[in-house]
PDB file of N, CA and C in Angstrom:
ATOM      1  N   MET A   1     -39.676  33.992  96.946  1.00  0.00           N
ATOM      2  CA  MET A   1     -38.993  32.744  97.308  1.00  0.00           C
ATOM      3  C   MET A   1     -40.263  31.644  97.467  1.00  0.00           C
ATOM      4  N   ASN A   2     -39.899  30.408  96.946  1.00  0.00           N
ATOM      5  CA  ASN A   2     -40.770  29.271  96.929  1.00  0.00           C
ATOM      6  C   ASN A   2     -40.659  28.569  98.149  1.00  0.00           C
ATOM      7  N   ASP A   3     -41.634  28.747  99.188  1.00  0.00           N
ATOM      8  CA  ASP A   3     -41.492  28.098 100.608  1.00  0.00           C
ATOM      9  C   ASP A   3     -41.819  26.659 100.500  1.00  0.00           C
ATOM     10  N   THR A   4     -42.344  26.084  99.423  1.00  0.00           N
ATOM     11  CA  THR A   4     -42.816  24.832  99.171  1.00  0.00           C
ATOM     12  C   THR A   4     -41.377  23.836  98.953  1.00  0.00           C
ATOM     13  N   ARG A   5     -40.469  24.537  98.521  1.00  0.00           N
ATOM     14  CA  ARG A   5     -39.367  23.444  98.024  1.00  0.00           C
ATOM     15  C   ARG A   5     -38.861  22.708  99.388  1.00  0.00           C
ATOM     16  N   THR A   6     -38.356  21.575  98.845  1.00  0.00           N
ATOM     17  CA  THR A   6     -38.000  20.585  99.972  1.00  0.00           C
ATOM     18  C   THR A   6     -36.605  20.136  99.865  1.00  0.00           C
ATOM     19  N   ILE A   7     -36.213  19.433 100.667  1.00  0.00           N
ATOM     20  CA  ILE A   7     -34.633  18.968 100.736  1.00  0.00           C
ATOM     21  C   ILE A   7     -34.641  17.689 101.369  1.00  0.00           C
ATOM     22  N   GLN A   8     -33.786  16.757 100.733  1.00  0.00           N
ATOM     23  CA  GLN A   8     -33.587  15.483 101.457  1.00  0.00           C
ATOM     24  C   GLN A   8     -32.069  15.455 101.685  1.00  0.00           C
ATOM     25  N   PHE A   9     -31.663  14.856 102.888  1.00  0.00           N
ATOM     26  CA  PHE A   9     -30.351  14.983 103.288  1.00  0.00           C
ATOM     27  C   PHE A   9     -29.922  13.354 103.248  1.00  0.00           C
ATOM     28  N   ARG A  10     -28.740  12.977 102.897  1.00  0.00           N
ATOM     29  CA  ARG A  10     -28.204  11.498 102.856  1.00  0.00           C
ATOM     30  C   ARG A  10     -26.779  11.583 103.411  1.00  0.00           C
ATOM     31  N   VAL A  11     -26.616  10.802 104.202  1.00  0.00           N
ATOM     32  CA  VAL A  11     -25.197  10.650 105.008  1.00  0.00           C
ATOM     33  C   VAL A  11     -24.986   9.027 104.345  1.00  0.00           C
ATOM     34  N   VAL A  12     -23.759   8.951 103.660  1.00  0.00           N
ATOM     35  CA  VAL A  12     -23.402   7.899 103.049  1.00  0.00           C
ATOM     36  C   VAL A  12     -22.460   7.007 103.976  1.00  0.00           C
ATOM     37  N   MET A  13     -22.959   5.958 104.718  1.00  0.00           N
ATOM     38  CA  MET A  13     -22.289   5.330 105.632  1.00  0.00           C
ATOM     39  C   MET A  13     -21.097   4.362 105.219  1.00  0.00           C
ATOM     40  N   ALA A  14     -21.702   3.652 103.992  1.00  0.00           N
ATOM     41  CA  ALA A  14     -20.814   2.613 103.538  1.00  0.00           C
ATOM     42  C   ALA A  14     -21.375   2.367 101.892  1.00  0.00           C
ATOM     43  N   LYS A  15     -20.909   1.748 101.050  1.00  0.00           N
ATOM     44  CA  LYS A  15     -21.449   1.463  99.747  1.00  0.00           C
ATOM     45  C   LYS A  15     -22.767   0.732 100.043  1.00  0.00           C
ATOM     46  N   ASN A  16     -23.802   1.236  99.459  1.00  0.00           N
ATOM     47  CA  ASN A  16     -25.268   0.802  99.402  1.00  0.00           C
ATOM     48  C   ASN A  16     -25.722   0.861 100.903  1.00  0.00           C
ATOM     49  N   ASP A  17     -25.216   1.691 101.744  1.00  0.00           N
ATOM     50  CA  ASP A  17     -25.797   2.104 103.017  1.00  0.00           C
ATOM     51  C   ASP A  17     -25.776   3.740 103.421  1.00  0.00           C
ATOM     52  N   GLU A  18     -26.993   4.053 103.009  1.00  0.00           N
ATOM     53  CA  GLU A  18     -27.306   5.687 103.270  1.00  0.00           C
ATOM     54  C   GLU A  18     -28.318   5.819 104.304  1.00  0.00           C
ATOM     55  N   ARG A  19     -28.162   6.831 105.144  1.00  0.00           N
ATOM     56  CA  ARG A  19     -29.016   7.298 106.229  1.00  0.00           C
ATOM     57  C   ARG A  19     -29.894   8.319 105.607  1.00  0.00           C
ATOM     58  N   VAL A  20     -30.961   8.449 105.473  1.00  0.00           N
ATOM     59  CA  VAL A  20     -31.874   9.543 104.717  1.00  0.00           C
ATOM     60  C   VAL A  20     -32.625  10.098 105.682  1.00  0.00           C
ATOM     61  N   ASP A  21     -32.797  11.544 105.421  1.00  0.00           N
ATOM     62  CA  ASP A  21     -33.956  12.434 106.049  1.00  0.00           C
ATOM     63  C   ASP A  21     -34.488  13.088 104.902  1.00  0.00           C
ATOM     64  N   GLY A  22     -35.849  13.246 104.913  1.00  0.00           N
ATOM     65  CA  GLY A  22     -36.499  14.074 104.169  1.00  0.00           C
ATOM     66  C   GLY A  22     -37.290  13.153 102.906  1.00  0.00           C
ATOM     67  N   PRO A  23     -37.968  13.993 102.055  1.00  0.00           N
ATOM     68  CA  PRO A  23     -38.973  13.169 101.135  1.00  0.00           C
ATOM     69  C   PRO A  23     -38.293  12.704  99.894  1.00  0.00           C
ATOM     70  N   ASP A  24     -38.779  11.618  99.584  1.00  0.00           N
ATOM     71  CA  ASP A  24     -38.139  10.880  98.407  1.00  0.00           C
ATOM     72  C   ASP A  24     -38.229  11.806  97.123  1.00  0.00           C
ATOM     73  N   ASP A  25     -39.349  12.550  96.940  1.00  0.00           N
ATOM     74  CA  ASP A  25     -39.386  13.652  95.817  1.00  0.00           C
ATOM     75  C   ASP A  25     -39.036  14.805  96.202  1.00  0.00           C
ATOM     76  N   ALA A  26     -38.090  15.072  96.867  1.00  0.00           N
ATOM     77  CA  ALA A  26     -37.556  16.534  97.441  1.00  0.00           C
ATOM     78  C   ALA A  26     -37.026  16.984  96.138  1.00  0.00           C
ATOM     79  N   ASP A  27     -37.069  18.496  96.042  1.00  0.00           N
ATOM     80  CA  ASP A  27     -36.523  19.230  95.122  1.00  0.00           C
ATOM     81  C   ASP A  27     -34.981  19.009  95.040  1.00  0.00           C
ATOM     82  N   THR A  28     -34.181  19.058  96.260  1.00  0.00           N
ATOM     83  CA  THR A  28     -32.965  19.171  96.385  1.00  0.00           C
ATOM     84  C   THR A  28     -32.503  17.881  97.212  1.00  0.00           C
ATOM     85  N   VAL A  29     -31.517  17.380  96.866  1.00  0.00           N
ATOM     86  CA  VAL A  29     -30.919  16.113  97.503  1.00  0.00           C
ATOM     87  C   VAL A  29     -29.391  16.656  97.870  1.00  0.00           C
ATOM     88  N   ALA A  30     -29.176  16.711  99.135  1.00  0.00           N
ATOM     89  CA  ALA A  30     -27.696  16.861  99.865  1.00  0.00           C
ATOM     90  C   ALA A  30     -27.135  15.431 100.319  1.00  0.00           C
ATOM     91  N   THR A  31     -26.136  15.327  99.712  1.00  0.00           N
ATOM     92  CA  THR A  31     -25.177  14.128 100.127  1.00  0.00           C
ATOM     93  C   THR A  31     -23.843  14.217 100.665  1.00  0.00           C
ATOM     94  N   ILE A  32     -23.606  13.668 101.732  1.00  0.00           N
ATOM     95  CA  ILE A  32     -22.193  13.703 102.308  1.00  0.00           C
ATOM     96  C   ILE A  32     -21.838  12.224 102.802  1.00  0.00           C
ATOM     97  N   ALA A  33     -20.464  12.121 102.612  1.00  0.00           N
ATOM     98  CA  ALA A  33     -19.962  10.867 102.962  1.00  0.00           C
ATOM     99  C   ALA A  33     -19.695  11.095 104.628  1.00  0.00           C
ATOM    100  N   LYS A  34     -19.910   9.743 105.316  1.00  0.00           N
ATOM    101  CA  LYS A  34     -19.867   9.632 106.773  1.00  0.00           C
ATOM    102  C   LYS A  34     -18.294  10.199 107.154  1.00  0.00           C
ATOM    103  N   ALA A  35     -17.184  10.096 106.678  1.00  0.00           N
ATOM    104  CA  ALA A  35     -15.884  10.664 106.734  1.00  0.00           C
ATOM    105  C   ALA A  35     -16.115  12.317 106.938  1.00  0.00           C
ATOM    106  N   ASP A  36     -16.874  12.853 106.023  1.00  0.00           N
ATOM    107  CA  ASP A  36     -16.735  14.228 106.165  1.00  0.00           C
ATOM    108  C   ASP A  36     -18.193  14.832 106.737  1.00  0.00           C
ATOM    109  N   ALA A  37     -18.865  14.048 107.363  1.00  0.00           N
ATOM    110  CA  ALA A  37     -20.269  14.507 108.024  1.00  0.00           C
ATOM    111  C   ALA A  37     -20.155  15.274 109.363  1.00  0.00           C
ATOM    112  N   ALA A  38     -18.836  15.092 109.995  1.00  0.00           N
ATOM    113  CA  ALA A  38     -18.496  15.882 111.312  1.00  0.00           C
ATOM    114  C   ALA A  38     -18.237  17.419 110.773  1.00  0.00           C
ATOM    115  N   MET A  39     -17.833  17.698 109.618  1.00  0.00           N
ATOM    116  CA  MET A  39     -17.535  18.787 109.191  1.00  0.00           C
ATOM    117  C   MET A  39     -18.817  19.879 109.234  1.00  0.00           C
ATOM    118  N   ASP A  40     -18.370  21.239 109.439  1.00  0.00           N
ATOM    119  CA  ASP A  40     -19.451  22.064 109.271  1.00  0.00           C
ATOM    120  C   ASP A  40     -19.986  21.853 107.889  1.00  0.00           C
ATOM    121  N   PRO A  41     -21.419  21.842 107.758  1.00  0.00           N
ATOM    122  CA  PRO A  41     -22.073  21.592 106.433  1.00  0.00           C
ATOM    123  C   PRO A  41     -21.675  22.809 105.426  1.00  0.00           C
ATOM    124  N   THR A  42     -21.651  23.836 105.999  1.00  0.00           N
ATOM    125  CA  THR A  42     -21.294  25.133 104.963  1.00  0.00           C
ATOM    126  C   THR A  42     -19.843  24.907 104.563  1.00  0.00           C
ATOM    127  N   VAL A  43     -18.890  24.629 105.469  1.00  0.00           N
ATOM    128  CA  VAL A  43     -17.727  24.286 105.152  1.00  0.00           C
ATOM    129  C   VAL A  43     -17.370  23.266 103.969  1.00  0.00           C
ATOM    130  N   ALA A  44     -18.180  22.081 104.583  1.00  0.00           N
ATOM    131  CA  ALA A  44     -18.085  20.957 103.474  1.00  0.00           C
ATOM    132  C   ALA A  44     -18.819  21.226 102.286  1.00  0.00           C
ATOM    133  N   PHE A  45     -19.872  21.935 102.049  1.00  0.00           N
ATOM    134  CA  PHE A  45     -20.366  22.382 100.760  1.00  0.00           C
ATOM    135  C   PHE A  45     -19.206  23.321 100.016  1.00  0.00           C
ATOM    136  N   MET A  46     -18.595  24.250 100.492  1.00  0.00           N
ATOM    137  CA  MET A  46     -17.772  24.900  99.936  1.00  0.00           C
ATOM    138  C   MET A  46     -16.685  24.240  99.581  1.00  0.00           C
ATOM    139  N   ARG A  47     -16.183  23.271 100.044  1.00  0.00           N
ATOM    140  CA  ARG A  47     -15.023  22.075  99.811  1.00  0.00           C
ATOM    141  C   ARG A  47     -15.484  21.134  98.783  1.00  0.00           C
ATOM    142  N   GLY A  48     -16.679  21.058  98.562  1.00  0.00           N
ATOM    143  CA  GLY A  48     -17.203  20.031  97.489  1.00  0.00           C
ATOM    144  C   GLY A  48     -17.302  18.786  98.186  1.00  0.00           C
ATOM    145  N   LYS A  49     -17.437  18.705  99.390  1.00  0.00           N
ATOM    146  CA  LYS A  49     -17.709  17.317 100.113  1.00  0.00           C
ATOM    147  C   LYS A  49     -19.169  17.110 100.307  1.00  0.00           C
ATOM    148  N   LEU A  50     -19.976  18.323 100.447  1.00  0.00           N
ATOM    149  CA  LEU A  50     -21.360  18.102 100.536  1.00  0.00           C
ATOM    150  C   LEU A  50     -21.935  18.276  99.230  1.00  0.00           C
ATOM    151  N   LYS A  51     -22.357  17.232  98.534  1.00  0.00           N
ATOM    152  CA  LYS A  51     -22.794  17.444  96.991  1.00  0.00           C
ATOM    153  C   LYS A  51     -24.403  17.555  97.214  1.00  0.00           C
ATOM    154  N   ILE A  52     -24.977  18.397  96.053  1.00  0.00           N
ATOM    155  CA  ILE A  52     -26.305  18.519  95.882  1.00  0.00           C
ATOM    156  C   ILE A  52     -26.689  18.228  94.490  1.00  0.00           C
ATOM    157  N   THR A  53     -27.949  17.833  94.317  1.00  0.00           N
ATOM    158  CA  THR A  53     -28.639  17.941  92.906  1.00  0.00           C
ATOM    159  C   THR A  53     -29.952  18.683  93.250  1.00  0.00           C
ATOM    160  N   GLY A  54     -30.056  19.369  92.171  1.00  0.00           N
ATOM    161  CA  GLY A  54     -31.433  20.265  92.247  1.00  0.00           C
ATOM    162  C   GLY A  54     -31.142  21.808  92.680  1.00  0.00           C
ATOM    163  N   PRO A  55     -32.115  22.556  92.816  1.00  0.00           N
ATOM    164  CA  PRO A  55     -31.613  24.047  93.047  1.00  0.00           C
ATOM    165  C   PRO A  55     -30.981  24.189  94.384  1.00  0.00           C
ATOM    166  N   THR A  56     -29.955  25.220  94.623  1.00  0.00           N
ATOM    167  CA  THR A  56     -29.283  25.357  95.819  1.00  0.00           C
ATOM    168  C   THR A  56     -30.137  25.995  96.918  1.00  0.00           C
ATOM    169  N   GLY A  57     -31.269  26.906  96.497  1.00  0.00           N
ATOM    170  CA  GLY A  57     -32.123  27.470  97.517  1.00  0.00           C
ATOM    171  C   GLY A  57     -32.472  26.837  98.561  1.00  0.00           C
ATOM    172  N   PRO A  58     -32.867  25.684  98.659  1.00  0.00           N
ATOM    173  CA  PRO A  58     -33.228  25.008  99.824  1.00  0.00           C
ATOM    174  C   PRO A  58     -31.994  24.318 100.625  1.00  0.00           C
ATOM    175  N   LEU A  59     -30.857  24.231  99.982  1.00  0.00           N
ATOM    176  CA  LEU A  59     -29.681  23.958 100.773  1.00  0.00           C
ATOM    177  C   LEU A  59     -29.319  25.219 101.594  1.00  0.00           C
ATOM    178  N   PHE A  60     -29.393  26.450 100.954  1.00  0.00           N
ATOM    179  CA  PHE A  60     -28.754  27.572 101.586  1.00  0.00           C
ATOM    180  C   PHE A  60     -29.730  27.918 102.560  1.00  0.00           C
ATOM    181  N   ASP A  61     -31.083  27.578 102.519  1.00  0.00           N
ATOM    182  CA  ASP A  61     -32.003  28.064 103.710  1.00  0.00           C
ATOM    183  C   ASP A  61     -31.640  27.050 104.693  1.00  0.00           C
ATOM    184  N   ALA A  62     -31.372  25.849 104.368  1.00  0.00           N
ATOM    185  CA  ALA A  62     -31.001  24.838 105.495  1.00  0.00           C
ATOM    186  C   ALA A  62     -29.848  25.189 106.250  1.00  0.00           C
ATOM    187  N   LEU A  63     -28.909  25.545 105.565  1.00  0.00           N
ATOM    188  CA  LEU A  63     -27.474  26.148 106.121  1.00  0.00           C
ATOM    189  C   LEU A  63     -27.601  27.252 107.062  1.00  0.00           C
ATOM    190  N   SER A  64     -28.342  28.259 106.546  1.00  0.00           N
ATOM    191  CA  SER A  64     -28.478  29.524 107.200  1.00  0.00           C
ATOM    192  C   SER A  64     -29.264  29.429 108.551  1.00  0.00           C
ATOM    193  N   SER A  65     -30.288  28.379 108.530  1.00  0.00           N
ATOM    194  CA  SER A  65     -31.157  28.131 109.694  1.00  0.00           C
ATOM    195  C   SER A  65     -30.420  27.214 110.553  1.00  0.00           C
ATOM    196  N   GLY A  66     -29.346  26.549 110.396  1.00  0.00           N
ATOM    197  CA  GLY A  66     -29.005  25.431 111.200  1.00  0.00           C
ATOM    198  C   GLY A  66     -29.321  24.160 111.000  1.00  0.00           C
ATOM    199  N   ARG A  67     -30.543  24.128 110.153  1.00  0.00           N
ATOM    200  CA  ARG A  67     -31.241  22.794 110.133  1.00  0.00           C
ATOM    201  C   ARG A  67     -30.287  21.840 109.316  1.00  0.00           C
ATOM    202  N   ALA A  68     -29.452  22.228 108.529  1.00  0.00           N
ATOM    203  CA  ALA A  68     -28.497  21.083 107.755  1.00  0.00           C
ATOM    204  C   ALA A  68     -27.544  20.508 108.842  1.00  0.00           C
ATOM    205  N   ALA A  69     -27.013  21.386 109.670  1.00  0.00           N
ATOM    206  CA  ALA A  69     -26.149  20.625 110.752  1.00  0.00           C
ATOM    207  C   ALA A  69     -26.886  19.857 111.631  1.00  0.00           C
ATOM    208  N   GLU A  70     -27.939  20.124 111.885  1.00  0.00           N
ATOM    209  CA  GLU A  70     -28.675  19.410 112.867  1.00  0.00           C
ATOM    210  C   GLU A  70     -29.137  18.018 112.357  1.00  0.00           C
ATOM    211  N   VAL A  71     -29.650  18.098 111.193  1.00  0.00           N
ATOM    212  CA  VAL A  71     -30.274  16.832 110.358  1.00  0.00           C
ATOM    213  C   VAL A  71     -28.841  15.753 110.192  1.00  0.00           C
ATOM    214  N   ILE A  72     -27.870  16.433 109.734  1.00  0.00           N
ATOM    215  CA  ILE A  72     -26.659  15.495 109.362  1.00  0.00           C
ATOM    216  C   ILE A  72     -26.086  14.967 110.777  1.00  0.00           C
ATOM    217  N   ALA A  73     -25.986  15.804 111.618  1.00  0.00           N
ATOM    218  CA  ALA A  73     -25.473  15.249 112.873  1.00  0.00           C
ATOM    219  C   ALA A  73     -26.438  14.058 113.414  1.00  0.00           C
ATOM    220  N   ARG A  74     -27.845  14.362 113.577  1.00  0.00           N
ATOM    221  CA  ARG A  74     -28.656  13.083 113.845  1.00  0.00           C
ATOM    222  C   ARG A  74     -28.392  12.025 112.911  1.00  0.00           C
ATOM    223  N   LEU A  75     -28.303  12.161 111.696  1.00  0.00           N
ATOM    224  CA  LEU A  75     -28.199  10.981 110.802  1.00  0.00           C
ATOM    225  C   LEU A  75     -26.897  10.289 111.083  1.00  0.00           C
ATOM    226  N   LEU A  76     -25.754  11.175 111.457  1.00  0.00           N
ATOM    227  CA  LEU A  76     -24.593  10.530 111.611  1.00  0.00           C
ATOM    228  C   LEU A  76     -24.479   9.708 112.893  1.00  0.00           C
ATOM    229  N   ALA A  77     -25.382  10.261 113.906  1.00  0.00           N
ATOM    230  CA  ALA A  77     -25.540   9.594 115.178  1.00  0.00           C
ATOM    231  C   ALA A  77     -26.314   8.297 115.008  1.00  0.00           C
ATOM    232  N   GLY A  78     -27.071   8.145 113.994  1.00  0.00           N
ATOM    233  CA  GLY A  78     -27.869   7.063 114.042  1.00  0.00           C
ATOM    234  C   GLY A  78     -28.989   6.862 114.655  1.00  0.00           C
TER     235      GLY A  78
END
């Protein structure tokens, strides 16, 4: 496994209004709408509400460690 892969999380609050955590050159970008951000990220991904671009490995790592839930909750809280 390549430990140097990065992920950026985006919570879309409104059109042209996103809260972002992670590097701009991230390997994987995970995006979720504000309306869906309170949902468990694993469930959101399985339901197609948490969308990604790039490889799934960094997302799966973030989901299993709990980091995805922490970052999304922090971005949602503002």
